[in-house]
Amino acid sequence: QVQLVESGGGLVQAGDSLRLSCAVSGRTFVSKDMGWFRQAPAKERESVAAINWSGATDYADSVKGRFTISRDNTKGTVYLQMNSLKPEDTAVYYCAASIWAGTKAVLTTTWYNYWGQGTQVTVSS
């Protein structure tokens, strides 16, 4: 059984920073592809950032230059550093794990098989 537990969300002001963490337990999915996604009220889930098994990354255009995804395989944890937060970043953020190890980072939700419960990020203006 694979479990993903997100943490680090909260209420911040525009321009602030937050770091989300995703602890992965169970099978060694930390050696597989990982991603962060978000869903705002009344909107579909959208990709934010992805990192593959070898550390290649990709980002949604809306967060490029502001967010950084990283992983620590020794700790079984994936991180999302979010800087210069904007009110439009407000959403529930989900960590996801894939059973696949791709040649590049994949932002597509269907690539991922396991999901965390989500952590709320609220950015006030």
PDB file of N, CA and C in Angstrom:
ATOM      1  N   GLN A   1       0.842  -1.187   0.000  1.00  0.00           N
ATOM      2  CA  GLN A   1       0.000   0.000   0.000  1.00  0.00           C
ATOM      3  C   GLN A   1       0.882   1.243   0.000  1.00  0.00           C
ATOM      4  N   VAL A   2       0.669   2.116  -0.960  1.00  0.00           N
ATOM      5  CA  VAL A   2       1.433   3.357  -1.047  1.00  0.00           C
ATOM      6  C   VAL A   2       0.642   4.466  -0.380  1.00  0.00           C
ATOM      7  N   GLN A   3       1.306   5.213   0.457  1.00  0.00           N
ATOM      8  CA  GLN A   3       0.667   6.357   1.095  1.00  0.00           C
ATOM      9  C   GLN A   3       1.484   7.616   0.840  1.00  0.00           C
ATOM     10  N   LEU A   4       0.791   8.687   0.537  1.00  0.00           N
ATOM     11  CA  LEU A   4       1.421   9.983   0.340  1.00  0.00           C
ATOM     12  C   LEU A   4       0.760  10.963   1.312  1.00  0.00           C
ATOM     13  N   VAL A   5       1.565  11.639   2.083  1.00  0.00           N
ATOM     14  CA  VAL A   5       1.042  12.569   3.069  1.00  0.00           C
ATOM     15  C   VAL A   5       1.671  13.931   2.839  1.00  0.00           C
ATOM     16  N   GLU A   6       0.810  14.895   2.464  1.00  0.00           N
ATOM     17  CA  GLU A   6       1.290  16.251   2.238  1.00  0.00           C
ATOM     18  C   GLU A   6       1.255  17.052   3.530  1.00  0.00           C
ATOM     19  N   SER A   7       2.124  18.038   3.606  1.00  0.00           N
ATOM     20  CA  SER A   7       2.123  18.966   4.733  1.00  0.00           C
ATOM     21  C   SER A   7       2.737  20.283   4.278  1.00  0.00           C
ATOM     22  N   GLY A   8       2.542  21.311   5.101  1.00  0.00           N
ATOM     23  CA  GLY A   8       3.171  22.592   4.813  1.00  0.00           C
ATOM     24  C   GLY A   8       2.249  23.670   4.275  1.00  0.00           C
ATOM     25  N   GLY A   9       0.991  23.320   4.024  1.00  0.00           N
ATOM     26  CA  GLY A   9       0.063  24.332   3.547  1.00  0.00           C
ATOM     27  C   GLY A   9      -0.284  25.338   4.632  1.00  0.00           C
ATOM     28  N   GLY A  10      -0.990  26.394   4.223  1.00  0.00           N
ATOM     29  CA  GLY A  10      -1.399  27.390   5.206  1.00  0.00           C
ATOM     30  C   GLY A  10      -1.921  28.648   4.551  1.00  0.00           C
ATOM     31  N   LEU A  11      -2.123  29.658   5.386  1.00  0.00           N
ATOM     32  CA  LEU A  11      -2.613  30.964   4.932  1.00  0.00           C
ATOM     33  C   LEU A  11      -1.448  31.947   4.938  1.00  0.00           C
ATOM     34  N   VAL A  12      -1.182  32.531   3.776  1.00  0.00           N
ATOM     35  CA  VAL A  12      -0.096  33.503   3.659  1.00  0.00           C
ATOM     36  C   VAL A  12      -0.575  34.710   2.867  1.00  0.00           C
ATOM     37  N   GLN A  13       0.239  35.728   2.849  1.00  0.00           N
ATOM     38  CA  GLN A  13      -0.068  36.923   2.071  1.00  0.00           C
ATOM     39  C   GLN A  13       0.634  36.861   0.718  1.00  0.00           C
ATOM     40  N   ALA A  14       0.105  37.611  -0.223  1.00  0.00           N
ATOM     41  CA  ALA A  14       0.728  37.682  -1.536  1.00  0.00           C
ATOM     42  C   ALA A  14       2.185  38.107  -1.401  1.00  0.00           C
ATOM     43  N   GLY A  15       3.051  37.411  -2.149  1.00  0.00           N
ATOM     44  CA  GLY A  15       4.478  37.691  -2.087  1.00  0.00           C
ATOM     45  C   GLY A  15       5.245  36.801  -1.124  1.00  0.00           C
ATOM     46  N   ASP A  16       4.531  36.118  -0.250  1.00  0.00           N
ATOM     47  CA  ASP A  16       5.172  35.227   0.723  1.00  0.00           C
ATOM     48  C   ASP A  16       5.595  33.917   0.072  1.00  0.00           C
ATOM     49  N   SER A  17       6.255  33.083   0.866  1.00  0.00           N
ATOM     50  CA  SER A  17       6.709  31.767   0.414  1.00  0.00           C
ATOM     51  C   SER A  17       6.166  30.673   1.312  1.00  0.00           C
ATOM     52  N   LEU A  18       6.045  29.493   0.739  1.00  0.00           N
ATOM     53  CA  LEU A  18       5.682  28.288   1.484  1.00  0.00           C
ATOM     54  C   LEU A  18       6.458  27.121   0.890  1.00  0.00           C
ATOM     55  N   ARG A  19       6.726  26.113   1.710  1.00  0.00           N
ATOM     56  CA  ARG A  19       7.307  24.878   1.206  1.00  0.00           C
ATOM     57  C   ARG A  19       6.401  23.717   1.581  1.00  0.00           C
ATOM     58  N   LEU A  20       5.914  23.039   0.577  1.00  0.00           N
ATOM     59  CA  LEU A  20       5.109  21.847   0.787  1.00  0.00           C
ATOM     60  C   LEU A  20       6.013  20.624   0.782  1.00  0.00           C
ATOM     61  N   SER A  21       5.640  19.655   1.605  1.00  0.00           N
ATOM     62  CA  SER A  21       6.356  18.387   1.651  1.00  0.00           C
ATOM     63  C   SER A  21       5.390  17.248   1.390  1.00  0.00           C
ATOM     64  N   CYS A  22       5.901  16.190   0.795  1.00  0.00           N
ATOM     65  CA  CYS A  22       5.110  14.991   0.545  1.00  0.00           C
ATOM     66  C   CYS A  22       5.938  13.788   0.961  1.00  0.00           C
ATOM     67  N   ALA A  23       5.523  13.148   2.035  1.00  0.00           N
ATOM     68  CA  ALA A  23       6.208  11.965   2.516  1.00  0.00           C
ATOM     69  C   ALA A  23       5.592  10.731   1.870  1.00  0.00           C
ATOM     70  N   VAL A  24       6.429   9.895   1.281  1.00  0.00           N
ATOM     71  CA  VAL A  24       5.972   8.711   0.561  1.00  0.00           C
ATOM     72  C   VAL A  24       6.342   7.460   1.340  1.00  0.00           C
ATOM     73  N   SER A  25       5.376   6.640   1.636  1.00  0.00           N
ATOM     74  CA  SER A  25       5.635   5.384   2.337  1.00  0.00           C
ATOM     75  C   SER A  25       5.131   4.233   1.494  1.00  0.00           C
ATOM     76  N   GLY A  26       5.507   3.051   1.888  1.00  0.00           N
ATOM     77  CA  GLY A  26       5.106   1.881   1.132  1.00  0.00           C
ATOM     78  C   GLY A  26       6.209   1.460   0.189  1.00  0.00           C
ATOM     79  N   ARG A  27       5.855   1.187  -1.044  1.00  0.00           N
ATOM     80  CA  ARG A  27       6.836   0.772  -2.022  1.00  0.00           C
ATOM     81  C   ARG A  27       7.783   1.918  -2.348  1.00  0.00           C
ATOM     82  N   THR A  28       8.882   1.641  -2.992  1.00  0.00           N
ATOM     83  CA  THR A  28       9.919   2.637  -3.251  1.00  0.00           C
ATOM     84  C   THR A  28       9.534   3.543  -4.410  1.00  0.00           C
ATOM     85  N   PHE A  29       8.399   4.185  -4.252  1.00  0.00           N
ATOM     86  CA  PHE A  29       7.960   5.090  -5.304  1.00  0.00           C
ATOM     87  C   PHE A  29       8.749   6.368  -5.344  1.00  0.00           C
ATOM     88  N   VAL A  30       9.537   6.572  -4.298  1.00  0.00           N
ATOM     89  CA  VAL A  30      10.370   7.759  -4.347  1.00  0.00           C
ATOM     90  C   VAL A  30      11.379   7.657  -5.488  1.00  0.00           C
ATOM     91  N   SER A  31      11.605   6.449  -5.998  1.00  0.00           N
ATOM     92  CA  SER A  31      12.515   6.289  -7.124  1.00  0.00           C
ATOM     93  C   SER A  31      11.782   6.374  -8.454  1.00  0.00           C
ATOM     94  N   LYS A  32      10.508   6.645  -8.382  1.00  0.00           N
ATOM     95  CA  LYS A  32       9.710   6.795  -9.584  1.00  0.00           C
ATOM     96  C   LYS A  32       9.333   8.259  -9.780  1.00  0.00           C
ATOM     97  N   ASP A  33       8.522   8.535 -10.781  1.00  0.00           N
ATOM     98  CA  ASP A  33       8.124   9.899 -11.088  1.00  0.00           C
ATOM     99  C   ASP A  33       7.127  10.435 -10.047  1.00  0.00           C
ATOM    100  N   MET A  34       7.285  11.725  -9.729  1.00  0.00           N
ATOM    101  CA  MET A  34       6.427  12.362  -8.744  1.00  0.00           C
ATOM    102  C   MET A  34       5.908  13.683  -9.299  1.00  0.00           C
ATOM    103  N   GLY A  35       4.777  14.131  -8.779  1.00  0.00           N
ATOM    104  CA  GLY A  35       4.230  15.387  -9.264  1.00  0.00           C
ATOM    105  C   GLY A  35       3.435  16.113  -8.206  1.00  0.00           C
ATOM    106  N   TRP A  36       3.263  17.393  -8.427  1.00  0.00           N
ATOM    107  CA  TRP A  36       2.375  18.220  -7.616  1.00  0.00           C
ATOM    108  C   TRP A  36       1.277  18.783  -8.523  1.00  0.00           C
ATOM    109  N   PHE A  37       0.060  18.738  -8.007  1.00  0.00           N
ATOM    110  CA  PHE A  37      -1.088  19.241  -8.731  1.00  0.00           C
ATOM    111  C   PHE A  37      -1.902  20.103  -7.785  1.00  0.00           C
ATOM    112  N   ARG A  38      -2.831  20.882  -8.311  1.00  0.00           N
ATOM    113  CA  ARG A  38      -3.675  21.699  -7.451  1.00  0.00           C
ATOM    114  C   ARG A  38      -5.075  21.808  -8.025  1.00  0.00           C
ATOM    115  N   GLN A  39      -6.010  22.080  -7.124  1.00  0.00           N
ATOM    116  CA  GLN A  39      -7.396  22.239  -7.542  1.00  0.00           C
ATOM    117  C   GLN A  39      -8.034  23.354  -6.740  1.00  0.00           C
ATOM    118  N   ALA A  40      -8.461  24.367  -7.454  1.00  0.00           N
ATOM    119  CA  ALA A  40      -9.159  25.488  -6.836  1.00  0.00           C
ATOM    120  C   ALA A  40     -10.660  25.211  -6.875  1.00  0.00           C
ATOM    121  N   PRO A  41     -11.438  25.874  -6.018  1.00  0.00           N
ATOM    122  CA  PRO A  41     -12.884  25.662  -6.001  1.00  0.00           C
ATOM    123  C   PRO A  41     -13.507  25.878  -7.368  1.00  0.00           C
ATOM    124  N   ALA A  42     -14.361  24.955  -7.765  1.00  0.00           N
ATOM    125  CA  ALA A  42     -15.095  25.024  -9.030  1.00  0.00           C
ATOM    126  C   ALA A  42     -14.191  24.943 -10.249  1.00  0.00           C
ATOM    127  N   LYS A  43     -12.962  24.487 -10.074  1.00  0.00           N
ATOM    128  CA  LYS A  43     -12.049  24.329 -11.205  1.00  0.00           C
ATOM    129  C   LYS A  43     -11.536  22.896 -11.274  1.00  0.00           C
ATOM    130  N   GLU A  44     -11.059  22.516 -12.444  1.00  0.00           N
ATOM    131  CA  GLU A  44     -10.492  21.189 -12.589  1.00  0.00           C
ATOM    132  C   GLU A  44      -9.088  21.141 -11.988  1.00  0.00           C
ATOM    133  N   ARG A  45      -8.675  19.924 -11.646  1.00  0.00           N
ATOM    134  CA  ARG A  45      -7.323  19.745 -11.130  1.00  0.00           C
ATOM    135  C   ARG A  45      -6.331  20.071 -12.246  1.00  0.00           C
ATOM    136  N   GLU A  46      -5.280  20.804 -11.889  1.00  0.00           N
ATOM    137  CA  GLU A  46      -4.292  21.195 -12.881  1.00  0.00           C
ATOM    138  C   GLU A  46      -2.886  20.847 -12.400  1.00  0.00           C
ATOM    139  N   SER A  47      -2.007  20.670 -13.348  1.00  0.00           N
ATOM    140  CA  SER A  47      -0.631  20.343 -13.011  1.00  0.00           C
ATOM    141  C   SER A  47       0.092  21.573 -12.512  1.00  0.00           C
ATOM    142  N   VAL A  48       1.060  21.326 -11.647  1.00  0.00           N
ATOM    143  CA  VAL A  48       1.892  22.408 -11.112  1.00  0.00           C
ATOM    144  C   VAL A  48       3.354  22.141 -11.458  1.00  0.00           C
ATOM    145  N   ALA A  49       3.855  20.975 -11.029  1.00  0.00           N
ATOM    146  CA  ALA A  49       5.258  20.643 -11.242  1.00  0.00           C
ATOM    147  C   ALA A  49       5.427  19.138 -11.196  1.00  0.00           C
ATOM    148  N   ALA A  50       6.473  18.665 -11.856  1.00  0.00           N
ATOM    149  CA  ALA A  50       6.760  17.239 -11.870  1.00  0.00           C
ATOM    150  C   ALA A  50       8.263  17.024 -11.839  1.00  0.00           C
ATOM    151  N   ILE A  51       8.646  15.881 -11.278  1.00  0.00           N
ATOM    152  CA  ILE A  51      10.053  15.512 -11.235  1.00  0.00           C
ATOM    153  C   ILE A  51      10.141  14.014 -11.496  1.00  0.00           C
ATOM    154  N   ASN A  52      11.022  13.618 -12.411  1.00  0.00           N
ATOM    155  CA  ASN A  52      11.104  12.191 -12.692  1.00  0.00           C
ATOM    156  C   ASN A  52      12.147  11.526 -11.795  1.00  0.00           C
ATOM    157  N   TRP A  53      12.356  10.237 -12.001  1.00  0.00           N
ATOM    158  CA  TRP A  53      13.208   9.468 -11.114  1.00  0.00           C
ATOM    159  C   TRP A  53      14.642   9.984 -11.085  1.00  0.00           C
ATOM    160  N   SER A  54      15.078  10.593 -12.215  1.00  0.00           N
ATOM    161  CA  SER A  54      16.465  11.041 -12.303  1.00  0.00           C
ATOM    162  C   SER A  54      16.636  12.518 -11.947  1.00  0.00           C
ATOM    163  N   GLY A  55      15.546  13.172 -11.601  1.00  0.00           N
ATOM    164  CA  GLY A  55      15.636  14.568 -11.191  1.00  0.00           C
ATOM    165  C   GLY A  55      15.267  15.589 -12.245  1.00  0.00           C
ATOM    166  N   ALA A  56      14.881  15.139 -13.429  1.00  0.00           N
ATOM    167  CA  ALA A  56      14.408  16.083 -14.442  1.00  0.00           C
ATOM    168  C   ALA A  56      13.097  16.697 -13.987  1.00  0.00           C
ATOM    169  N   THR A  57      12.917  17.973 -14.258  1.00  0.00           N
ATOM    170  CA  THR A  57      11.731  18.681 -13.787  1.00  0.00           C
ATOM    171  C   THR A  57      10.990  19.371 -14.922  1.00  0.00           C
ATOM    172  N   ASP A  58       9.744  19.676 -14.663  1.00  0.00           N
ATOM    173  CA  ASP A  58       8.932  20.471 -15.581  1.00  0.00           C
ATOM    174  C   ASP A  58       7.895  21.209 -14.760  1.00  0.00           C
ATOM    175  N   TYR A  59       7.455  22.353 -15.289  1.00  0.00           N
ATOM    176  CA  TYR A  59       6.541  23.202 -14.550  1.00  0.00           C
ATOM    177  C   TYR A  59       5.425  23.730 -15.449  1.00  0.00           C
ATOM    178  N   ALA A  60       4.292  23.976 -14.837  1.00  0.00           N
ATOM    179  CA  ALA A  60       3.230  24.684 -15.537  1.00  0.00           C
ATOM    180  C   ALA A  60       3.697  26.113 -15.785  1.00  0.00           C
ATOM    181  N   ASP A  61       3.261  26.693 -16.892  1.00  0.00           N
ATOM    182  CA  ASP A  61       3.689  28.044 -17.240  1.00  0.00           C
ATOM    183  C   ASP A  61       3.362  29.045 -16.129  1.00  0.00           C
ATOM    184  N   SER A  62       2.260  28.823 -15.440  1.00  0.00           N
ATOM    185  CA  SER A  62       1.796  29.767 -14.423  1.00  0.00           C
ATOM    186  C   SER A  62       2.705  29.833 -13.205  1.00  0.00           C
ATOM    187  N   VAL A  63       3.574  28.831 -13.030  1.00  0.00           N
ATOM    188  CA  VAL A  63       4.425  28.817 -11.831  1.00  0.00           C
ATOM    189  C   VAL A  63       5.908  28.855 -12.163  1.00  0.00           C
ATOM    190  N   LYS A  64       6.254  28.825 -13.439  1.00  0.00           N
ATOM    191  CA  LYS A  64       7.664  28.835 -13.821  1.00  0.00           C
ATOM    192  C   LYS A  64       8.360  30.075 -13.263  1.00  0.00           C
ATOM    193  N   GLY A  65       9.536  29.849 -12.700  1.00  0.00           N
ATOM    194  CA  GLY A  65      10.299  30.946 -12.129  1.00  0.00           C
ATOM    195  C   GLY A  65       9.930  31.272 -10.689  1.00  0.00           C
ATOM    196  N   ARG A  66       8.824  30.707 -10.208  1.00  0.00           N
ATOM    197  CA  ARG A  66       8.390  30.960  -8.822  1.00  0.00           C
ATOM    198  C   ARG A  66       8.417  29.697  -7.962  1.00  0.00           C
ATOM    199  N   PHE A  67       8.097  28.560  -8.552  1.00  0.00           N
ATOM    200  CA  PHE A  67       8.028  27.301  -7.805  1.00  0.00           C
ATOM    201  C   PHE A  67       9.198  26.401  -8.185  1.00  0.00           C
ATOM    202  N   THR A  68       9.644  25.599  -7.220  1.00  0.00           N
ATOM    203  CA  THR A  68      10.706  24.640  -7.466  1.00  0.00           C
ATOM    204  C   THR A  68      10.330  23.302  -6.840  1.00  0.00           C
ATOM    205  N   ILE A  69      10.369  22.247  -7.645  1.00  0.00           N
ATOM    206  CA  ILE A  69      10.123  20.904  -7.135  1.00  0.00           C
ATOM    207  C   ILE A  69      11.466  20.214  -6.931  1.00  0.00           C
ATOM    208  N   SER A  70      11.564  19.441  -5.858  1.00  0.00           N
ATOM    209  CA  SER A  70      12.792  18.706  -5.584  1.00  0.00           C
ATOM    210  C   SER A  70      12.425  17.424  -4.842  1.00  0.00           C
ATOM    211  N   ARG A  71      13.397  16.534  -4.752  1.00  0.00           N
ATOM    212  CA  ARG A  71      13.149  15.290  -4.049  1.00  0.00           C
ATOM    213  C   ARG A  71      14.383  14.898  -3.265  1.00  0.00           C
ATOM    214  N   ASP A  72      14.142  14.241  -2.144  1.00  0.00           N
ATOM    215  CA  ASP A  72      15.206  13.687  -1.327  1.00  0.00           C
ATOM    216  C   ASP A  72      14.905  12.196  -1.184  1.00  0.00           C
ATOM    217  N   ASN A  73      15.561  11.392  -1.995  1.00  0.00           N
ATOM    218  CA  ASN A  73      15.282   9.958  -1.987  1.00  0.00           C
ATOM    219  C   ASN A  73      15.676   9.291  -0.676  1.00  0.00           C
ATOM    220  N   THR A  74      16.638   9.845   0.030  1.00  0.00           N
ATOM    221  CA  THR A  74      17.045   9.261   1.302  1.00  0.00           C
ATOM    222  C   THR A  74      15.968   9.433   2.365  1.00  0.00           C
ATOM    223  N   LYS A  75      15.164  10.473   2.206  1.00  0.00           N
ATOM    224  CA  LYS A  75      14.093  10.734   3.160  1.00  0.00           C
ATOM    225  C   LYS A  75      12.723  10.310   2.628  1.00  0.00           C
ATOM    226  N   GLY A  76      12.677   9.880   1.391  1.00  0.00           N
ATOM    227  CA  GLY A  76      11.397   9.499   0.802  1.00  0.00           C
ATOM    228  C   GLY A  76      10.433  10.663   0.731  1.00  0.00           C
ATOM    229  N   THR A  77      10.932  11.832   0.399  1.00  0.00           N
ATOM    230  CA  THR A  77      10.118  13.046   0.436  1.00  0.00           C
ATOM    231  C   THR A  77      10.313  13.866  -0.834  1.00  0.00           C
ATOM    232  N   VAL A  78       9.219  14.437  -1.287  1.00  0.00           N
ATOM    233  CA  VAL A  78       9.229  15.373  -2.413  1.00  0.00           C
ATOM    234  C   VAL A  78       8.775  16.728  -1.885  1.00  0.00           C
ATOM    235  N   TYR A  79       9.404  17.781  -2.379  1.00  0.00           N
ATOM    236  CA  TYR A  79       9.113  19.127  -1.906  1.00  0.00           C
ATOM    237  C   TYR A  79       8.612  20.020  -3.039  1.00  0.00           C
ATOM    238  N   LEU A  80       7.864  21.027  -2.653  1.00  0.00           N
ATOM    239  CA  LEU A  80       7.482  22.081  -3.588  1.00  0.00           C
ATOM    240  C   LEU A  80       7.723  23.413  -2.885  1.00  0.00           C
ATOM    241  N   GLN A  81       8.777  24.095  -3.306  1.00  0.00           N
ATOM    242  CA  GLN A  81       9.077  25.425  -2.775  1.00  0.00           C
ATOM    243  C   GLN A  81       8.314  26.445  -3.600  1.00  0.00           C
ATOM    244  N   MET A  82       7.478  27.218  -2.940  1.00  0.00           N
ATOM    245  CA  MET A  82       6.636  28.191  -3.631  1.00  0.00           C
ATOM    246  C   MET A  82       7.011  29.589  -3.165  1.00  0.00           C
ATOM    247  N   ASN A  83       7.512  30.386  -4.084  1.00  0.00           N
ATOM    248  CA  ASN A  83       7.897  31.756  -3.787  1.00  0.00           C
ATOM    249  C   ASN A  83       6.999  32.732  -4.540  1.00  0.00           C
ATOM    250  N   SER A  84       7.005  33.972  -4.095  1.00  0.00           N
ATOM    251  CA  SER A  84       6.221  35.033  -4.749  1.00  0.00           C
ATOM    252  C   SER A  84       4.789  34.586  -4.984  1.00  0.00           C
ATOM    253  N   LEU A  85       4.175  34.063  -3.949  1.00  0.00           N
ATOM    254  CA  LEU A  85       2.824  33.529  -4.078  1.00  0.00           C
ATOM    255  C   LEU A  85       1.823  34.611  -4.446  1.00  0.00           C
ATOM    256  N   LYS A  86       0.846  34.204  -5.248  1.00  0.00           N
ATOM    257  CA  LYS A  86      -0.202  35.102  -5.716  1.00  0.00           C
ATOM    258  C   LYS A  86      -1.561  34.571  -5.261  1.00  0.00           C
ATOM    259  N   PRO A  87      -2.568  35.424  -5.161  1.00  0.00           N
ATOM    260  CA  PRO A  87      -3.900  34.948  -4.777  1.00  0.00           C
ATOM    261  C   PRO A  87      -4.409  33.840  -5.697  1.00  0.00           C
ATOM    262  N   GLU A  88      -4.046  33.877  -6.954  1.00  0.00           N
ATOM    263  CA  GLU A  88      -4.495  32.838  -7.880  1.00  0.00           C
ATOM    264  C   GLU A  88      -3.816  31.489  -7.645  1.00  0.00           C
ATOM    265  N   ASP A  89      -2.844  31.436  -6.756  1.00  0.00           N
ATOM    266  CA  ASP A  89      -2.245  30.160  -6.372  1.00  0.00           C
ATOM    267  C   ASP A  89      -3.071  29.443  -5.307  1.00  0.00           C
ATOM    268  N   THR A  90      -4.093  30.091  -4.802  1.00  0.00           N
ATOM    269  CA  THR A  90      -4.946  29.490  -3.785  1.00  0.00           C
ATOM    270  C   THR A  90      -5.622  28.240  -4.323  1.00  0.00           C
ATOM    271  N   ALA A  91      -5.433  27.128  -3.618  1.00  0.00           N
ATOM    272  CA  ALA A  91      -5.980  25.843  -4.062  1.00  0.00           C
ATOM    273  C   ALA A  91      -5.625  24.775  -3.035  1.00  0.00           C
ATOM    274  N   VAL A  92      -6.208  23.598  -3.212  1.00  0.00           N
ATOM    275  CA  VAL A  92      -5.737  22.421  -2.504  1.00  0.00           C
ATOM    276  C   VAL A  92      -4.644  21.801  -3.357  1.00  0.00           C
ATOM    277  N   TYR A  93      -3.493  21.571  -2.758  1.00  0.00           N
ATOM    278  CA  TYR A  93      -2.352  21.025  -3.467  1.00  0.00           C
ATOM    279  C   TYR A  93      -2.218  19.536  -3.157  1.00  0.00           C
ATOM    280  N   TYR A  94      -2.067  18.755  -4.221  1.00  0.00           N
ATOM    281  CA  TYR A  94      -1.971  17.310  -4.105  1.00  0.00           C
ATOM    282  C   TYR A  94      -0.625  16.811  -4.599  1.00  0.00           C
ATOM    283  N   CYS A  95      -0.076  15.862  -3.867  1.00  0.00           N
ATOM    284  CA  CYS A  95       1.117  15.150  -4.287  1.00  0.00           C
ATOM    285  C   CYS A  95       0.678  13.869  -4.986  1.00  0.00           C
ATOM    286  N   ALA A  96       1.421  13.471  -6.010  1.00  0.00           N
ATOM    287  CA  ALA A  96       1.072  12.264  -6.746  1.00  0.00           C
ATOM    288  C   ALA A  96       2.317  11.461  -7.068  1.00  0.00           C
ATOM    289  N   ALA A  97       2.145  10.147  -7.109  1.00  0.00           N
ATOM    290  CA  ALA A  97       3.246   9.239  -7.419  1.00  0.00           C
ATOM    291  C   ALA A  97       2.856   8.332  -8.574  1.00  0.00           C
ATOM    292  N   SER A  98       3.813   8.077  -9.427  1.00  0.00           N
ATOM    293  CA  SER A  98       3.583   7.197 -10.574  1.00  0.00           C
ATOM    294  C   SER A  98       4.288   5.861 -10.345  1.00  0.00           C
ATOM    295  N   ILE A  99       3.780   4.832 -10.978  1.00  0.00           N
ATOM    296  CA  ILE A  99       4.476   3.552 -10.947  1.00  0.00           C
ATOM    297  C   ILE A  99       5.542   3.494 -12.031  1.00  0.00           C
ATOM    298  N   TRP A 100       5.578   4.533 -12.858  1.00  0.00           N
ATOM    299  CA  TRP A 100       6.507   4.563 -13.981  1.00  0.00           C
ATOM    300  C   TRP A 100       7.710   5.453 -13.705  1.00  0.00           C
ATOM    301  N   ALA A 101       8.798   5.162 -14.385  1.00  0.00           N
ATOM    302  CA  ALA A 101      10.008   5.978 -14.348  1.00  0.00           C
ATOM    303  C   ALA A 101      10.252   6.466 -15.769  1.00  0.00           C
ATOM    304  N   GLY A 102       9.772   7.667 -16.053  1.00  0.00           N
ATOM    305  CA  GLY A 102       9.853   8.199 -17.400  1.00  0.00           C
ATOM    306  C   GLY A 102      11.204   8.805 -17.723  1.00  0.00           C
ATOM    307  N   THR A 103      11.414   9.098 -18.996  1.00  0.00           N
ATOM    308  CA  THR A 103      12.665   9.724 -19.433  1.00  0.00           C
ATOM    309  C   THR A 103      12.638  11.233 -19.220  1.00  0.00           C
ATOM    310  N   LYS A 104      11.455  11.752 -18.933  1.00  0.00           N
ATOM    311  CA  LYS A 104      11.328  13.175 -18.632  1.00  0.00           C
ATOM    312  C   LYS A 104      10.200  13.354 -17.627  1.00  0.00           C
ATOM    313  N   ALA A 105      10.126  14.517 -17.019  1.00  0.00           N
ATOM    314  CA  ALA A 105       9.058  14.799 -16.077  1.00  0.00           C
ATOM    315  C   ALA A 105       7.735  14.952 -16.825  1.00  0.00           C
ATOM    316  N   VAL A 106       6.686  14.381 -16.243  1.00  0.00           N
ATOM    317  CA  VAL A 106       5.383  14.357 -16.895  1.00  0.00           C
ATOM    318  C   VAL A 106       4.371  15.140 -16.081  1.00  0.00           C
ATOM    319  N   LEU A 107       3.704  16.089 -16.723  1.00  0.00           N
ATOM    320  CA  LEU A 107       2.727  16.934 -16.031  1.00  0.00           C
ATOM    321  C   LEU A 107       1.294  16.421 -16.171  1.00  0.00           C
ATOM    322  N   THR A 108       1.095  15.343 -16.883  1.00  0.00           N
ATOM    323  CA  THR A 108      -0.249  14.826 -17.131  1.00  0.00           C
ATOM    324  C   THR A 108      -0.755  14.038 -15.939  1.00  0.00           C
ATOM    325  N   THR A 109      -1.987  14.334 -15.502  1.00  0.00           N
ATOM    326  CA  THR A 109      -2.529  13.658 -14.319  1.00  0.00           C
ATOM    327  C   THR A 109      -2.642  12.152 -14.514  1.00  0.00           C
ATOM    328  N   THR A 110      -2.912  11.703 -15.718  1.00  0.00           N
ATOM    329  CA  THR A 110      -3.113  10.281 -15.954  1.00  0.00           C
ATOM    330  C   THR A 110      -1.840   9.460 -15.819  1.00  0.00           C
ATOM    331  N   TRP A 111      -0.694  10.130 -15.755  1.00  0.00           N
ATOM    332  CA  TRP A 111       0.590   9.418 -15.579  1.00  0.00           C
ATOM    333  C   TRP A 111       0.738   8.892 -14.159  1.00  0.00           C
ATOM    334  N   TYR A 112      -0.071   9.462 -13.238  1.00  0.00           N
ATOM    335  CA  TYR A 112       0.107   9.201 -11.819  1.00  0.00           C
ATOM    336  C   TYR A 112      -0.974   8.275 -11.278  1.00  0.00           C
ATOM    337  N   ASN A 113      -0.554   7.389 -10.383  1.00  0.00           N
ATOM    338  CA  ASN A 113      -1.412   6.309  -9.917  1.00  0.00           C
ATOM    339  C   ASN A 113      -1.867   6.481  -8.466  1.00  0.00           C
ATOM    340  N   TYR A 114      -1.077   7.191  -7.679  1.00  0.00           N
ATOM    341  CA  TYR A 114      -1.373   7.332  -6.262  1.00  0.00           C
ATOM    342  C   TYR A 114      -1.385   8.825  -5.901  1.00  0.00           C
ATOM    343  N   TRP A 115      -2.319   9.200  -5.039  1.00  0.00           N
ATOM    344  CA  TRP A 115      -2.530  10.597  -4.688  1.00  0.00           C
ATOM    345  C   TRP A 115      -2.625  10.765  -3.180  1.00  0.00           C
ATOM    346  N   GLY A 116      -2.135  11.908  -2.708  1.00  0.00           N
ATOM    347  CA  GLY A 116      -2.301  12.252  -1.311  1.00  0.00           C
ATOM    348  C   GLY A 116      -3.665  12.867  -1.059  1.00  0.00           C
ATOM    349  N   GLN A 117      -3.897  13.237   0.181  1.00  0.00           N
ATOM    350  CA  GLN A 117      -5.191  13.773   0.568  1.00  0.00           C
ATOM    351  C   GLN A 117      -5.298  15.277   0.320  1.00  0.00           C
ATOM    352  N   GLY A 118      -4.174  15.906   0.068  1.00  0.00           N
ATOM    353  CA  GLY A 118      -4.169  17.325  -0.251  1.00  0.00           C
ATOM    354  C   GLY A 118      -3.891  18.210   0.947  1.00  0.00           C
ATOM    355  N   THR A 119      -3.332  19.378   0.672  1.00  0.00           N
ATOM    356  CA  THR A 119      -3.090  20.379   1.711  1.00  0.00           C
ATOM    357  C   THR A 119      -3.510  21.742   1.153  1.00  0.00           C
ATOM    358  N   GLN A 120      -4.221  22.499   1.971  1.00  0.00           N
ATOM    359  CA  GLN A 120      -4.786  23.773   1.516  1.00  0.00           C
ATOM    360  C   GLN A 120      -3.732  24.871   1.554  1.00  0.00           C
ATOM    361  N   VAL A 121      -3.657  25.610   0.464  1.00  0.00           N
ATOM    362  CA  VAL A 121      -2.828  26.809   0.392  1.00  0.00           C
ATOM    363  C   VAL A 121      -3.743  27.980   0.061  1.00  0.00           C
ATOM    364  N   THR A 122      -3.737  28.977   0.923  1.00  0.00           N
ATOM    365  CA  THR A 122      -4.562  30.157   0.712  1.00  0.00           C
ATOM    366  C   THR A 122      -3.665  31.386   0.714  1.00  0.00           C
ATOM    367  N   VAL A 123      -3.752  32.168  -0.348  1.00  0.00           N
ATOM    368  CA  VAL A 123      -2.936  33.361  -0.486  1.00  0.00           C
ATOM    369  C   VAL A 123      -3.857  34.571  -0.512  1.00  0.00           C
ATOM    370  N   SER A 124      -3.701  35.423   0.468  1.00  0.00           N
ATOM    371  CA  SER A 124      -4.541  36.618   0.548  1.00  0.00           C
ATOM    372  C   SER A 124      -3.859  37.785  -0.153  1.00  0.00           C
ATOM    373  N   SER A 125      -4.677  38.689  -0.664  1.00  0.00           N
ATOM    374  CA  SER A 125      -4.125  39.839  -1.400  1.00  0.00           C
ATOM    375  C   SER A 125      -3.865  41.011  -0.477  1.00  0.00           C
TER     376      SER A 125
END
